[in-house]
Amino acid sequence: MSASLCVMKATDVSAVSEEQAASNEEIAAASQTLADIAERLQAGVEKFRL
């Protein structure tokens, strides 16, 4: 494998890694949002418990 091909492959891997990191951050933010919503929903439902 030539050096330039190795560099291209490494660049591709780096770009994919960056995309995955960004996706993971979005998933973490969405998970936190859902957790916050669930907490508020649970607090709201508590008002109706007998």
Protein backbone atom coordinates (compact mmCIF):
# COMPACT_ATOMS: atom_id res chain seq x y z
CA MET A 1 0.00 0.00 0.00
CA SER A 2 1.44 3.38 -0.97
CA ALA A 3 2.02 6.15 1.53
CA SER A 4 -0.51 8.43 -0.14
CA LEU A 5 -3.16 5.69 0.02
CA CYS A 6 -2.41 5.20 3.72
CA VAL A 7 -2.81 8.93 4.28
CA MET A 8 -6.12 8.94 2.41
CA LYS A 9 -7.39 5.97 4.44
CA ALA A 10 -6.26 7.61 7.70
CA THR A 11 -8.05 10.80 6.67
CA ASP A 12 -11.21 8.80 5.96
CA VAL A 13 -11.00 7.08 9.34
CA SER A 14 -10.46 10.42 11.03
CA ALA A 15 -13.49 11.94 9.30
CA VAL A 16 -15.68 8.99 10.26
CA SER A 17 -14.45 9.21 13.84
CA GLU A 18 -15.35 12.89 13.96
CA GLU A 19 -18.82 12.16 12.58
CA GLN A 20 -19.34 9.43 15.16
CA ALA A 21 -18.21 11.74 17.95
CA ALA A 22 -20.68 14.40 16.80
CA SER A 23 -23.45 11.80 16.60
CA ASN A 24 -22.63 10.57 20.08
CA GLU A 25 -22.85 14.11 21.41
CA GLU A 26 -26.26 14.56 19.76
CA ILE A 27 -27.46 11.26 21.22
CA ALA A 28 -26.23 12.26 24.67
CA ALA A 29 -28.03 15.60 24.42
CA ALA A 30 -31.24 13.92 23.25
CA SER A 31 -30.99 11.38 26.06
CA GLN A 32 -30.62 14.16 28.60
CA THR A 33 -33.60 15.98 27.12
CA LEU A 34 -35.71 12.82 27.34
CA ALA A 35 -34.58 12.26 30.93
CA ASP A 36 -35.59 15.83 31.81
CA ILE A 37 -38.99 15.38 30.15
CA ALA A 38 -39.54 12.08 31.96
CA GLU A 39 -38.67 13.73 35.27
CA ARG A 40 -41.14 16.55 34.67
CA LEU A 41 -43.81 14.09 33.55
CA GLN A 42 -43.29 12.01 36.67
CA ALA A 43 -43.56 15.10 38.86
CA GLY A 44 -46.78 16.05 37.06
CA VAL A 45 -48.28 12.58 37.48
CA GLU A 46 -47.43 12.61 41.19
CA LYS A 47 -50.04 15.35 41.62
CA PHE A 48 -52.77 12.87 40.64
CA ARG A 49 -51.78 10.06 42.98
CA LEU A 50 -54.25 9.30 45.72
